[in-house]
PDB file of N, CA and C in Angstrom:
ATOM      1  N   UNK A   1      38.965 -44.349 120.340  1.00  0.00           N
ATOM      2  CA  UNK A   1      39.781 -44.834 121.439  1.00  0.00           C
ATOM      3  C   UNK A   1      39.715 -43.857 122.610  1.00  0.00           C
ATOM      4  N   UNK A   2      39.697 -44.399 123.793  1.00  0.00           N
ATOM      5  CA  UNK A   2      39.640 -43.577 124.999  1.00  0.00           C
ATOM      6  C   UNK A   2      41.061 -43.168 125.380  1.00  0.00           C
ATOM      7  N   UNK A   3      41.307 -41.870 125.603  1.00  0.00           N
ATOM      8  CA  UNK A   3      42.640 -41.429 126.010  1.00  0.00           C
ATOM      9  C   UNK A   3      43.082 -42.104 127.320  1.00  0.00           C
ATOM     10  N   UNK A   4      44.371 -42.201 127.482  1.00  0.00           N
ATOM     11  CA  UNK A   4      44.956 -42.881 128.633  1.00  0.00           C
ATOM     12  C   UNK A   4      44.429 -42.342 129.961  1.00  0.00           C
ATOM     13  N   UNK A   5      44.444 -41.047 130.159  1.00  0.00           N
ATOM     14  CA  UNK A   5      44.051 -40.501 131.466  1.00  0.00           C
ATOM     15  C   UNK A   5      42.578 -40.739 131.759  1.00  0.00           C
ATOM     16  N   UNK A   6      41.741 -40.792 130.710  1.00  0.00           N
ATOM     17  CA  UNK A   6      40.326 -41.119 130.929  1.00  0.00           C
ATOM     18  C   UNK A   6      40.190 -42.554 131.416  1.00  0.00           C
ATOM     19  N   UNK A   7      40.979 -43.452 130.854  1.00  0.00           N
ATOM     20  CA  UNK A   7      40.951 -44.850 131.307  1.00  0.00           C
ATOM     21  C   UNK A   7      41.423 -44.948 132.759  1.00  0.00           C
ATOM     22  N   UNK A   8      42.483 -44.253 133.081  1.00  0.00           N
ATOM     23  CA  UNK A   8      43.033 -44.328 134.441  1.00  0.00           C
ATOM     24  C   UNK A   8      42.074 -43.743 135.477  1.00  0.00           C
ATOM     25  N   UNK A   9      41.246 -42.776 135.074  1.00  0.00           N
ATOM     26  CA  UNK A   9      40.272 -42.184 135.998  1.00  0.00           C
ATOM     27  C   UNK A   9      39.238 -43.184 136.485  1.00  0.00           C
ATOM     28  N   UNK A  10      39.106 -44.311 135.796  1.00  0.00           N
ATOM     29  CA  UNK A  10      38.117 -45.315 136.189  1.00  0.00           C
ATOM     30  C   UNK A  10      38.588 -46.146 137.382  1.00  0.00           C
ATOM     31  N   UNK A  11      39.852 -46.059 137.738  1.00  0.00           N
ATOM     32  CA  UNK A  11      40.399 -46.838 138.849  1.00  0.00           C
ATOM     33  C   UNK A  11      40.186 -46.055 140.145  1.00  0.00           C
ATOM     34  N   UNK A  12      39.454 -46.659 141.070  1.00  0.00           N
ATOM     35  CA  UNK A  12      39.211 -46.000 142.354  1.00  0.00           C
ATOM     36  C   UNK A  12      40.521 -45.842 143.121  1.00  0.00           C
ATOM     37  N   UNK A  13      40.637 -44.752 143.830  1.00  0.00           N
ATOM     38  CA  UNK A  13      41.774 -44.463 144.703  1.00  0.00           C
ATOM     39  C   UNK A  13      43.101 -44.404 143.954  1.00  0.00           C
ATOM     40  N   UNK A  14      43.040 -43.935 142.702  1.00  0.00           N
ATOM     41  CA  UNK A  14      44.243 -43.732 141.907  1.00  0.00           C
ATOM     42  C   UNK A  14      44.208 -42.324 141.349  1.00  0.00           C
ATOM     43  N   UNK A  15      45.295 -41.604 141.524  1.00  0.00           N
ATOM     44  CA  UNK A  15      45.436 -40.253 140.994  1.00  0.00           C
ATOM     45  C   UNK A  15      46.562 -40.293 139.969  1.00  0.00           C
ATOM     46  N   UNK A  16      46.338 -39.666 138.837  1.00  0.00           N
ATOM     47  CA  UNK A  16      47.356 -39.625 137.790  1.00  0.00           C
ATOM     48  C   UNK A  16      47.886 -38.205 137.687  1.00  0.00           C
ATOM     49  N   UNK A  17      49.194 -38.075 137.761  1.00  0.00           N
ATOM     50  CA  UNK A  17      49.851 -36.787 137.596  1.00  0.00           C
ATOM     51  C   UNK A  17      50.780 -36.931 136.404  1.00  0.00           C
ATOM     52  N   UNK A  18      50.518 -36.174 135.366  1.00  0.00           N
ATOM     53  CA  UNK A  18      51.338 -36.289 134.177  1.00  0.00           C
ATOM     54  C   UNK A  18      51.824 -34.946 133.695  1.00  0.00           C
ATOM     55  N   UNK A  19      53.005 -34.965 133.138  1.00  0.00           N
ATOM     56  CA  UNK A  19      53.587 -33.764 132.553  1.00  0.00           C
ATOM     57  C   UNK A  19      54.496 -34.223 131.422  1.00  0.00           C
ATOM     58  N   UNK A  20      54.150 -33.860 130.194  1.00  0.00           N
ATOM     59  CA  UNK A  20      54.909 -34.257 129.004  1.00  0.00           C
ATOM     60  C   UNK A  20      55.039 -35.779 128.957  1.00  0.00           C
ATOM     61  N   UNK A  21      56.261 -36.296 129.002  1.00  0.00           N
ATOM     62  CA  UNK A  21      56.444 -37.744 128.895  1.00  0.00           C
ATOM     63  C   UNK A  21      56.638 -38.409 130.251  1.00  0.00           C
ATOM     64  N   UNK A  22      56.228 -37.746 131.301  1.00  0.00           N
ATOM     65  CA  UNK A  22      56.425 -38.259 132.661  1.00  0.00           C
ATOM     66  C   UNK A  22      55.060 -38.416 133.326  1.00  0.00           C
ATOM     67  N   UNK A  23      54.618 -39.661 133.525  1.00  0.00           N
ATOM     68  CA  UNK A  23      53.338 -39.916 134.166  1.00  0.00           C
ATOM     69  C   UNK A  23      53.578 -40.621 135.488  1.00  0.00           C
ATOM     70  N   UNK A  24      52.885 -40.173 136.508  1.00  0.00           N
ATOM     71  CA  UNK A  24      53.015 -40.748 137.841  1.00  0.00           C
ATOM     72  C   UNK A  24      51.664 -41.262 138.296  1.00  0.00           C
ATOM     73  N   UNK A  25      51.671 -42.483 138.812  1.00  0.00           N
ATOM     74  CA  UNK A  25      50.461 -43.082 139.359  1.00  0.00           C
ATOM     75  C   UNK A  25      50.570 -43.019 140.876  1.00  0.00           C
ATOM     76  N   UNK A  26      49.609 -42.372 141.506  1.00  0.00           N
ATOM     77  CA  UNK A  26      49.590 -42.223 142.957  1.00  0.00           C
ATOM     78  C   UNK A  26      48.363 -42.942 143.499  1.00  0.00           C
ATOM     79  N   UNK A  27      48.588 -43.947 144.321  1.00  0.00           N
ATOM     80  CA  UNK A  27      47.485 -44.700 144.918  1.00  0.00           C
ATOM     81  C   UNK A  27      47.419 -44.383 146.400  1.00  0.00           C
ATOM     82  N   UNK A  28      46.220 -44.415 146.948  1.00  0.00           N
ATOM     83  CA  UNK A  28      46.047 -44.150 148.368  1.00  0.00           C
ATOM     84  C   UNK A  28      45.020 -45.111 148.939  1.00  0.00           C
ATOM     85  N   UNK A  29      45.058 -45.279 150.229  1.00  0.00           N
ATOM     86  CA  UNK A  29      44.111 -46.160 150.894  1.00  0.00           C
ATOM     87  C   UNK A  29      44.540 -46.424 152.317  1.00  0.00           C
ATOM     88  N   UNK A  30      43.748 -47.207 153.011  1.00  0.00           N
ATOM     89  CA  UNK A  30      44.048 -47.505 154.407  1.00  0.00           C
ATOM     90  C   UNK A  30      44.824 -48.798 154.577  1.00  0.00           C
ATOM     91  N   UNK A  31      44.817 -49.655 153.577  1.00  0.00           N
ATOM     92  CA  UNK A  31      45.516 -50.934 153.645  1.00  0.00           C
ATOM     93  C   UNK A  31      46.582 -51.002 152.557  1.00  0.00           C
ATOM     94  N   UNK A  32      47.768 -51.417 152.945  1.00  0.00           N
ATOM     95  CA  UNK A  32      48.880 -51.485 151.998  1.00  0.00           C
ATOM     96  C   UNK A  32      48.548 -52.359 150.796  1.00  0.00           C
ATOM     97  N   UNK A  33      48.030 -53.544 151.019  1.00  0.00           N
ATOM     98  CA  UNK A  33      47.712 -54.459 149.916  1.00  0.00           C
ATOM     99  C   UNK A  33      46.722 -53.825 148.945  1.00  0.00           C
ATOM    100  N   UNK A  34      45.812 -53.017 149.477  1.00  0.00           N
ATOM    101  CA  UNK A  34      44.797 -52.367 148.657  1.00  0.00           C
ATOM    102  C   UNK A  34      45.439 -51.387 147.675  1.00  0.00           C
ATOM    103  N   UNK A  35      46.305 -50.499 148.155  1.00  0.00           N
ATOM    104  CA  UNK A  35      46.846 -49.525 147.218  1.00  0.00           C
ATOM    105  C   UNK A  35      47.947 -50.097 146.347  1.00  0.00           C
ATOM    106  N   UNK A  36      48.598 -51.168 146.756  1.00  0.00           N
ATOM    107  CA  UNK A  36      49.538 -51.839 145.869  1.00  0.00           C
ATOM    108  C   UNK A  36      48.768 -52.472 144.702  1.00  0.00           C
ATOM    109  N   UNK A  37      47.622 -53.078 144.976  1.00  0.00           N
ATOM    110  CA  UNK A  37      46.780 -53.645 143.925  1.00  0.00           C
ATOM    111  C   UNK A  37      46.262 -52.540 143.004  1.00  0.00           C
ATOM    112  N   UNK A  38      45.945 -51.382 143.564  1.00  0.00           N
ATOM    113  CA  UNK A  38      45.494 -50.245 142.766  1.00  0.00           C
ATOM    114  C   UNK A  38      46.585 -49.799 141.803  1.00  0.00           C
ATOM    115  N   UNK A  39      47.826 -49.737 142.272  1.00  0.00           N
ATOM    116  CA  UNK A  39      48.944 -49.379 141.394  1.00  0.00           C
ATOM    117  C   UNK A  39      49.095 -50.389 140.259  1.00  0.00           C
ATOM    118  N   UNK A  40      48.983 -51.666 140.587  1.00  0.00           N
ATOM    119  CA  UNK A  40      49.116 -52.697 139.566  1.00  0.00           C
ATOM    120  C   UNK A  40      47.979 -52.612 138.548  1.00  0.00           C
ATOM    121  N   UNK A  41      46.781 -52.296 139.004  1.00  0.00           N
ATOM    122  CA  UNK A  41      45.641 -52.128 138.096  1.00  0.00           C
ATOM    123  C   UNK A  41      45.864 -50.932 137.166  1.00  0.00           C
ATOM    124  N   UNK A  42      46.335 -49.842 137.732  1.00  0.00           N
ATOM    125  CA  UNK A  42      46.640 -48.659 136.926  1.00  0.00           C
ATOM    126  C   UNK A  42      47.717 -48.952 135.894  1.00  0.00           C
ATOM    127  N   UNK A  43      48.757 -49.676 136.316  1.00  0.00           N
ATOM    128  CA  UNK A  43      49.831 -50.029 135.383  1.00  0.00           C
ATOM    129  C   UNK A  43      49.297 -50.904 134.252  1.00  0.00           C
ATOM    130  N   UNK A  44      48.403 -51.829 134.552  1.00  0.00           N
ATOM    131  CA  UNK A  44      47.838 -52.706 133.512  1.00  0.00           C
ATOM    132  C   UNK A  44      47.124 -51.874 132.443  1.00  0.00           C
ATOM    133  N   UNK A  45      46.395 -50.853 132.865  1.00  0.00           N
ATOM    134  CA  UNK A  45      45.723 -49.954 131.918  1.00  0.00           C
ATOM    135  C   UNK A  45      46.767 -49.200 131.100  1.00  0.00           C
ATOM    136  N   UNK A  46      47.774 -48.710 131.768  1.00  0.00           N
ATOM    137  CA  UNK A  46      48.862 -47.968 131.126  1.00  0.00           C
ATOM    138  C   UNK A  46      49.550 -48.839 130.079  1.00  0.00           C
ATOM    139  N   UNK A  47      49.827 -50.086 130.450  1.00  0.00           N
ATOM    140  CA  UNK A  47      50.516 -51.009 129.562  1.00  0.00           C
ATOM    141  C   UNK A  47      49.643 -51.368 128.351  1.00  0.00           C
ATOM    142  N   UNK A  48      48.356 -51.622 128.556  1.00  0.00           N
ATOM    143  CA  UNK A  48      47.447 -51.930 127.455  1.00  0.00           C
ATOM    144  C   UNK A  48      47.377 -50.777 126.471  1.00  0.00           C
ATOM    145  N   UNK A  49      47.267 -49.566 127.005  1.00  0.00           N
ATOM    146  CA  UNK A  49      47.238 -48.362 126.167  1.00  0.00           C
ATOM    147  C   UNK A  49      48.509 -48.273 125.326  1.00  0.00           C
ATOM    148  N   UNK A  50      49.652 -48.553 125.915  1.00  0.00           N
ATOM    149  CA  UNK A  50      50.935 -48.469 125.209  1.00  0.00           C
ATOM    150  C   UNK A  50      51.024 -49.528 124.108  1.00  0.00           C
ATOM    151  N   UNK A  51      50.587 -50.743 124.399  1.00  0.00           N
ATOM    152  CA  UNK A  51      50.645 -51.822 123.408  1.00  0.00           C
ATOM    153  C   UNK A  51      49.783 -51.474 122.199  1.00  0.00           C
ATOM    154  N   UNK A  52      48.611 -50.876 122.445  1.00  0.00           N
ATOM    155  CA  UNK A  52      47.723 -50.470 121.348  1.00  0.00           C
ATOM    156  C   UNK A  52      48.388 -49.457 120.421  1.00  0.00           C
ATOM    157  N   UNK A  53      49.370 -48.750 120.919  1.00  0.00           N
ATOM    158  CA  UNK A  53      50.051 -47.705 120.151  1.00  0.00           C
ATOM    159  C   UNK A  53      51.502 -48.065 119.814  1.00  0.00           C
ATOM    160  N   UNK A  54      51.867 -49.314 120.057  1.00  0.00           N
ATOM    161  CA  UNK A  54      53.231 -49.797 119.782  1.00  0.00           C
ATOM    162  C   UNK A  54      54.280 -48.972 120.515  1.00  0.00           C
ATOM    163  N   UNK A  55      53.970 -48.627 121.767  1.00  0.00           N
ATOM    164  CA  UNK A  55      54.902 -47.889 122.619  1.00  0.00           C
ATOM    165  C   UNK A  55      55.377 -48.840 123.707  1.00  0.00           C
ATOM    166  N   UNK A  56      56.643 -48.756 124.050  1.00  0.00           N
ATOM    167  CA  UNK A  56      57.184 -49.611 125.108  1.00  0.00           C
ATOM    168  C   UNK A  56      57.626 -48.749 126.294  1.00  0.00           C
ATOM    169  N   UNK A  57      57.271 -49.188 127.484  1.00  0.00           N
ATOM    170  CA  UNK A  57      57.708 -48.531 128.709  1.00  0.00           C
ATOM    171  C   UNK A  57      58.681 -49.452 129.423  1.00  0.00           C
ATOM    172  N   UNK A  58      59.538 -48.893 130.225  1.00  0.00           N
ATOM    173  CA  UNK A  58      60.505 -49.681 130.968  1.00  0.00           C
ATOM    174  C   UNK A  58      60.188 -49.624 132.453  1.00  0.00           C
ATOM    175  N   UNK A  59      59.554 -50.673 132.990  1.00  0.00           N
ATOM    176  CA  UNK A  59      59.243 -50.685 134.423  1.00  0.00           C
ATOM    177  C   UNK A  59      60.497 -50.519 135.287  1.00  0.00           C
ATOM    178  N   UNK A  60      61.653 -50.919 134.766  1.00  0.00           N
ATOM    179  CA  UNK A  60      62.895 -50.791 135.531  1.00  0.00           C
ATOM    180  C   UNK A  60      63.230 -49.327 135.830  1.00  0.00           C
ATOM    181  N   UNK A  61      62.695 -48.398 135.034  1.00  0.00           N
ATOM    182  CA  UNK A  61      62.926 -46.974 135.282  1.00  0.00           C
ATOM    183  C   UNK A  61      61.905 -46.394 136.267  1.00  0.00           C
ATOM    184  N   UNK A  62      60.981 -47.222 136.719  1.00  0.00           N
ATOM    185  CA  UNK A  62      59.939 -46.760 137.639  1.00  0.00           C
ATOM    186  C   UNK A  62      60.460 -46.700 139.064  1.00  0.00           C
ATOM    187  N   UNK A  63      59.884 -45.821 139.842  1.00  0.00           N
ATOM    188  CA  UNK A  63      60.222 -45.695 141.260  1.00  0.00           C
ATOM    189  C   UNK A  63      58.971 -45.938 142.082  1.00  0.00           C
ATOM    190  N   UNK A  64      59.146 -46.577 143.213  1.00  0.00           N
ATOM    191  CA  UNK A  64      58.038 -46.838 144.132  1.00  0.00           C
ATOM    192  C   UNK A  64      58.381 -46.184 145.459  1.00  0.00           C
ATOM    193  N   UNK A  65      57.525 -45.292 145.894  1.00  0.00           N
ATOM    194  CA  UNK A  65      57.751 -44.554 147.129  1.00  0.00           C
ATOM    195  C   UNK A  65      56.484 -44.619 147.957  1.00  0.00           C
ATOM    196  N   UNK A  66      56.633 -44.936 149.233  1.00  0.00           N
ATOM    197  CA  UNK A  66      55.491 -45.039 150.144  1.00  0.00           C
ATOM    198  C   UNK A  66      55.622 -43.886 151.145  1.00  0.00           C
ATOM    199  N   UNK A  67      54.728 -42.912 151.044  1.00  0.00           N
ATOM    200  CA  UNK A  67      54.765 -41.780 151.957  1.00  0.00           C
ATOM    201  C   UNK A  67      54.143 -42.191 153.284  1.00  0.00           C
ATOM    202  N   UNK A  68      54.932 -42.147 154.344  1.00  0.00           N
ATOM    203  CA  UNK A  68      54.426 -42.520 155.662  1.00  0.00           C
ATOM    204  C   UNK A  68      55.322 -41.922 156.747  1.00  0.00           C
ATOM    205  N   UNK A  69      54.825 -41.965 157.980  1.00  0.00           N
ATOM    206  CA  UNK A  69      55.582 -41.421 159.103  1.00  0.00           C
ATOM    207  C   UNK A  69      56.336 -42.485 159.879  1.00  0.00           C
ATOM    208  N   UNK A  70      56.229 -43.724 159.465  1.00  0.00           N
ATOM    209  CA  UNK A  70      56.873 -44.821 160.193  1.00  0.00           C
ATOM    210  C   UNK A  70      58.383 -44.582 160.285  1.00  0.00           C
ATOM    211  N   UNK A  71      58.966 -44.983 161.409  1.00  0.00           N
ATOM    212  CA  UNK A  71      60.410 -44.822 161.581  1.00  0.00           C
ATOM    213  C   UNK A  71      61.196 -45.664 160.598  1.00  0.00           C
ATOM    214  N   UNK A  72      60.860 -46.937 160.534  1.00  0.00           N
ATOM    215  CA  UNK A  72      61.567 -47.853 159.642  1.00  0.00           C
ATOM    216  C   UNK A  72      60.925 -47.833 158.261  1.00  0.00           C
ATOM    217  N   UNK A  73      61.753 -48.042 157.255  1.00  0.00           N
ATOM    218  CA  UNK A  73      61.236 -48.103 155.903  1.00  0.00           C
ATOM    219  C   UNK A  73      60.381 -49.341 155.701  1.00  0.00           C
ATOM    220  N   UNK A  74      59.582 -49.336 154.674  1.00  0.00           N
ATOM    221  CA  UNK A  74      58.702 -50.453 154.361  1.00  0.00           C
ATOM    222  C   UNK A  74      59.412 -51.368 153.372  1.00  0.00           C
ATOM    223  N   UNK A  75      58.833 -52.547 153.137  1.00  0.00           N
ATOM    224  CA  UNK A  75      59.501 -53.489 152.241  1.00  0.00           C
ATOM    225  C   UNK A  75      58.584 -54.040 151.151  1.00  0.00           C
ATOM    226  N   UNK A  76      57.434 -53.440 150.927  1.00  0.00           N
ATOM    227  CA  UNK A  76      56.512 -53.933 149.913  1.00  0.00           C
ATOM    228  C   UNK A  76      57.106 -53.759 148.512  1.00  0.00           C
ATOM    229  N   UNK A  77      56.592 -54.534 147.595  1.00  0.00           N
ATOM    230  CA  UNK A  77      56.971 -54.414 146.195  1.00  0.00           C
ATOM    231  C   UNK A  77      55.706 -54.360 145.357  1.00  0.00           C
ATOM    232  N   UNK A  78      55.853 -53.916 144.140  1.00  0.00           N
ATOM    233  CA  UNK A  78      54.748 -53.909 143.197  1.00  0.00           C
ATOM    234  C   UNK A  78      55.270 -54.548 141.909  1.00  0.00           C
ATOM    235  N   UNK A  79      54.392 -55.278 141.222  1.00  0.00           N
ATOM    236  CA  UNK A  79      54.797 -55.970 139.993  1.00  0.00           C
ATOM    237  C   UNK A  79      54.255 -55.191 138.799  1.00  0.00           C
ATOM    238  N   UNK A  80      55.167 -54.760 137.926  1.00  0.00           N
ATOM    239  CA  UNK A  80      54.806 -54.038 136.716  1.00  0.00           C
ATOM    240  C   UNK A  80      55.331 -54.815 135.521  1.00  0.00           C
ATOM    241  N   UNK A  81      54.445 -55.329 134.714  1.00  0.00           N
ATOM    242  CA  UNK A  81      54.824 -56.104 133.519  1.00  0.00           C
ATOM    243  C   UNK A  81      55.759 -57.254 133.854  1.00  0.00           C
ATOM    244  N   UNK A  82      55.569 -57.873 134.981  1.00  0.00           N
ATOM    245  CA  UNK A  82      56.419 -58.985 135.368  1.00  0.00           C
ATOM    246  C   UNK A  82      57.674 -58.567 136.108  1.00  0.00           C
ATOM    247  N   UNK A  83      58.020 -57.290 136.076  1.00  0.00           N
ATOM    248  CA  UNK A  83      59.182 -56.789 136.807  1.00  0.00           C
ATOM    249  C   UNK A  83      58.752 -56.375 138.209  1.00  0.00           C
ATOM    250  N   UNK A  84      59.586 -56.673 139.189  1.00  0.00           N
ATOM    251  CA  UNK A  84      59.291 -56.286 140.564  1.00  0.00           C
ATOM    252  C   UNK A  84      59.982 -54.957 140.848  1.00  0.00           C
ATOM    253  N   UNK A  85      59.197 -53.990 141.320  1.00  0.00           N
ATOM    254  CA  UNK A  85      59.730 -52.683 141.681  1.00  0.00           C
ATOM    255  C   UNK A  85      59.687 -52.590 143.196  1.00  0.00           C
ATOM    256  N   UNK A  86      60.831 -52.316 143.812  1.00  0.00           N
ATOM    257  CA  UNK A  86      60.918 -52.265 145.270  1.00  0.00           C
ATOM    258  C   UNK A  86      60.822 -50.824 145.762  1.00  0.00           C
ATOM    259  N   UNK A  87      60.447 -50.704 147.007  1.00  0.00           N
ATOM    260  CA  UNK A  87      60.334 -49.383 147.629  1.00  0.00           C
ATOM    261  C   UNK A  87      61.688 -48.713 147.744  1.00  0.00           C
ATOM    262  N   UNK A  88      61.673 -47.399 147.605  1.00  0.00           N
ATOM    263  CA  UNK A  88      62.874 -46.598 147.756  1.00  0.00           C
ATOM    264  C   UNK A  88      62.655 -45.577 148.856  1.00  0.00           C
ATOM    265  N   UNK A  89      63.729 -45.066 149.403  1.00  0.00           N
ATOM    266  CA  UNK A  89      63.641 -44.030 150.434  1.00  0.00           C
ATOM    267  C   UNK A  89      63.315 -42.666 149.832  1.00  0.00           C
ATOM    268  N   UNK A  90      63.722 -42.453 148.578  1.00  0.00           N
ATOM    269  CA  UNK A  90      63.439 -41.187 147.914  1.00  0.00           C
ATOM    270  C   UNK A  90      63.346 -41.419 146.414  1.00  0.00           C
ATOM    271  N   UNK A  91      62.702 -40.474 145.716  1.00  0.00           N
ATOM    272  CA  UNK A  91      62.551 -40.566 144.267  1.00  0.00           C
ATOM    273  C   UNK A  91      62.418 -39.164 143.692  1.00  0.00           C
ATOM    274  N   UNK A  92      62.822 -39.012 142.458  1.00  0.00           N
ATOM    275  CA  UNK A  92      62.732 -37.723 141.766  1.00  0.00           C
ATOM    276  C   UNK A  92      61.345 -37.577 141.146  1.00  0.00           C
ATOM    277  N   UNK A  93      60.738 -36.413 141.330  1.00  0.00           N
ATOM    278  CA  UNK A  93      59.430 -36.105 140.762  1.00  0.00           C
ATOM    279  C   UNK A  93      59.486 -34.689 140.212  1.00  0.00           C
ATOM    280  N   UNK A  94      59.464 -34.567 138.879  1.00  0.00           N
ATOM    281  CA  UNK A  94      59.526 -33.271 138.210  1.00  0.00           C
ATOM    282  C   UNK A  94      60.680 -32.408 138.729  1.00  0.00           C
ATOM    283  N   UNK A  95      61.838 -33.013 138.881  1.00  0.00           N
ATOM    284  CA  UNK A  95      63.031 -32.282 139.280  1.00  0.00           C
ATOM    285  C   UNK A  95      63.228 -32.123 140.771  1.00  0.00           C
ATOM    286  N   UNK A  96      62.263 -32.534 141.561  1.00  0.00           N
ATOM    287  CA  UNK A  96      62.364 -32.438 143.011  1.00  0.00           C
ATOM    288  C   UNK A  96      62.528 -33.845 143.574  1.00  0.00           C
ATOM    289  N   UNK A  97      63.433 -34.010 144.513  1.00  0.00           N
ATOM    290  CA  UNK A  97      63.622 -35.311 145.132  1.00  0.00           C
ATOM    291  C   UNK A  97      62.756 -35.369 146.380  1.00  0.00           C
ATOM    292  N   UNK A  98      61.801 -36.300 146.380  1.00  0.00           N
ATOM    293  CA  UNK A  98      60.889 -36.476 147.508  1.00  0.00           C
ATOM    294  C   UNK A  98      61.349 -37.646 148.355  1.00  0.00           C
ATOM    295  N   UNK A  99      61.295 -37.496 149.665  1.00  0.00           N
ATOM    296  CA  UNK A  99      61.595 -38.627 150.549  1.00  0.00           C
ATOM    297  C   UNK A  99      60.285 -39.123 151.141  1.00  0.00           C
ATOM    298  N   UNK A 100      60.321 -40.318 151.689  1.00  0.00           N
ATOM    299  CA  UNK A 100      59.084 -40.971 152.127  1.00  0.00           C
ATOM    300  C   UNK A 100      58.375 -40.245 153.257  1.00  0.00           C
ATOM    301  N   UNK A 101      59.072 -39.391 153.998  1.00  0.00           N
ATOM    302  CA  UNK A 101      58.429 -38.646 155.079  1.00  0.00           C
ATOM    303  C   UNK A 101      58.096 -37.208 154.669  1.00  0.00           C
ATOM    304  N   UNK A 102      58.360 -36.877 153.423  1.00  0.00           N
ATOM    305  CA  UNK A 102      58.131 -35.528 152.883  1.00  0.00           C
ATOM    306  C   UNK A 102      58.821 -34.443 153.722  1.00  0.00           C
ATOM    307  N   UNK A 103      60.035 -34.726 154.115  1.00  0.00           N
ATOM    308  CA  UNK A 103      60.828 -33.747 154.867  1.00  0.00           C
ATOM    309  C   UNK A 103      61.846 -33.050 153.983  1.00  0.00           C
ATOM    310  N   UNK A 104      61.947 -33.471 152.748  1.00  0.00           N
ATOM    311  CA  UNK A 104      62.838 -32.884 151.746  1.00  0.00           C
ATOM    312  C   UNK A 104      64.307 -32.981 152.121  1.00  0.00           C
ATOM    313  N   UNK A 105      64.658 -33.915 152.985  1.00  0.00           N
ATOM    314  CA  UNK A 105      66.052 -34.107 153.388  1.00  0.00           C
ATOM    315  C   UNK A 105      66.901 -34.545 152.197  1.00  0.00           C
ATOM    316  N   UNK A 106      66.399 -35.462 151.391  1.00  0.00           N
ATOM    317  CA  UNK A 106      67.156 -35.945 150.233  1.00  0.00           C
ATOM    318  C   UNK A 106      67.347 -34.835 149.210  1.00  0.00           C
ATOM    319  N   UNK A 107      66.338 -34.009 149.025  1.00  0.00           N
ATOM    320  CA  UNK A 107      66.451 -32.899 148.068  1.00  0.00           C
ATOM    321  C   UNK A 107      67.456 -31.875 148.566  1.00  0.00           C
ATOM    322  N   UNK A 108      67.410 -31.563 149.846  1.00  0.00           N
ATOM    323  CA  UNK A 108      68.352 -30.607 150.430  1.00  0.00           C
ATOM    324  C   UNK A 108      69.787 -31.116 150.253  1.00  0.00           C
ATOM    325  N   UNK A 109      70.006 -32.388 150.524  1.00  0.00           N
ATOM    326  CA  UNK A 109      71.332 -32.989 150.371  1.00  0.00           C
ATOM    327  C   UNK A 109      71.792 -32.899 148.918  1.00  0.00           C
ATOM    328  N   UNK A 110      70.880 -33.181 147.986  1.00  0.00           N
ATOM    329  CA  UNK A 110      71.199 -33.113 146.557  1.00  0.00           C
ATOM    330  C   UNK A 110      71.603 -31.694 146.160  1.00  0.00           C
ATOM    331  N   UNK A 111      70.858 -30.703 146.605  1.00  0.00           N
ATOM    332  CA  UNK A 111      71.147 -29.316 146.273  1.00  0.00           C
ATOM    333  C   UNK A 111      72.495 -28.893 146.854  1.00  0.00           C
ATOM    334  N   UNK A 112      72.748 -29.233 148.102  1.00  0.00           N
ATOM    335  CA  UNK A 112      74.028 -28.883 148.727  1.00  0.00           C
ATOM    336  C   UNK A 112      75.195 -29.541 147.995  1.00  0.00           C
ATOM    337  N   UNK A 113      75.044 -30.809 147.633  1.00  0.00           N
ATOM    338  CA  UNK A 113      76.101 -31.496 146.888  1.00  0.00           C
ATOM    339  C   UNK A 113      76.370 -30.815 145.545  1.00  0.00           C
ATOM    340  N   UNK A 114      75.340 -30.354 144.894  1.00  0.00           N
ATOM    341  CA  UNK A 114      75.518 -29.662 143.598  1.00  0.00           C
ATOM    342  C   UNK A 114      76.192 -28.320 143.784  1.00  0.00           C
ATOM    343  N   UNK A 115      75.969 -27.667 144.900  1.00  0.00           N
ATOM    344  CA  UNK A 115      76.596 -26.364 145.152  1.00  0.00           C
ATOM    345  C   UNK A 115      78.112 -26.490 145.334  1.00  0.00           C
ATOM    346  N   UNK A 116      78.530 -27.605 145.907  1.00  0.00           N
ATOM    347  CA  UNK A 116      79.934 -27.778 146.243  1.00  0.00           C
ATOM    348  C   UNK A 116      80.691 -28.693 145.283  1.00  0.00           C
ATOM    349  N   UNK A 117      80.076 -29.045 144.159  1.00  0.00           N
ATOM    350  CA  UNK A 117      80.807 -29.883 143.177  1.00  0.00           C
ATOM    351  C   UNK A 117      80.920 -29.192 141.861  1.00  0.00           C
TER     352      UNK A 117
END
């Protein structure tokens, strides 16, 4: 059997970042529809690998973040196992909260709130 990350490497314009039980699929491209399709293709590989091993993932726990400089947020969605995942303004990645403009505003707010609570 081919390991999961080897399978995911076959998808063009998809980068896999994994640490322990936390795997992140990062897609890039010039067209939104293109990298959304890339994410869905990567998820299909991920899901097939899990089914072969009787492992279940919860797409509802997934986060979708679009890094861009646009003023207004985006509204695209991605479909994972039939579940629709919508874009968020920020998401947690290995303990750090990233915002869509990579300004770390959400992380700074989180840290300050923890200091005063």
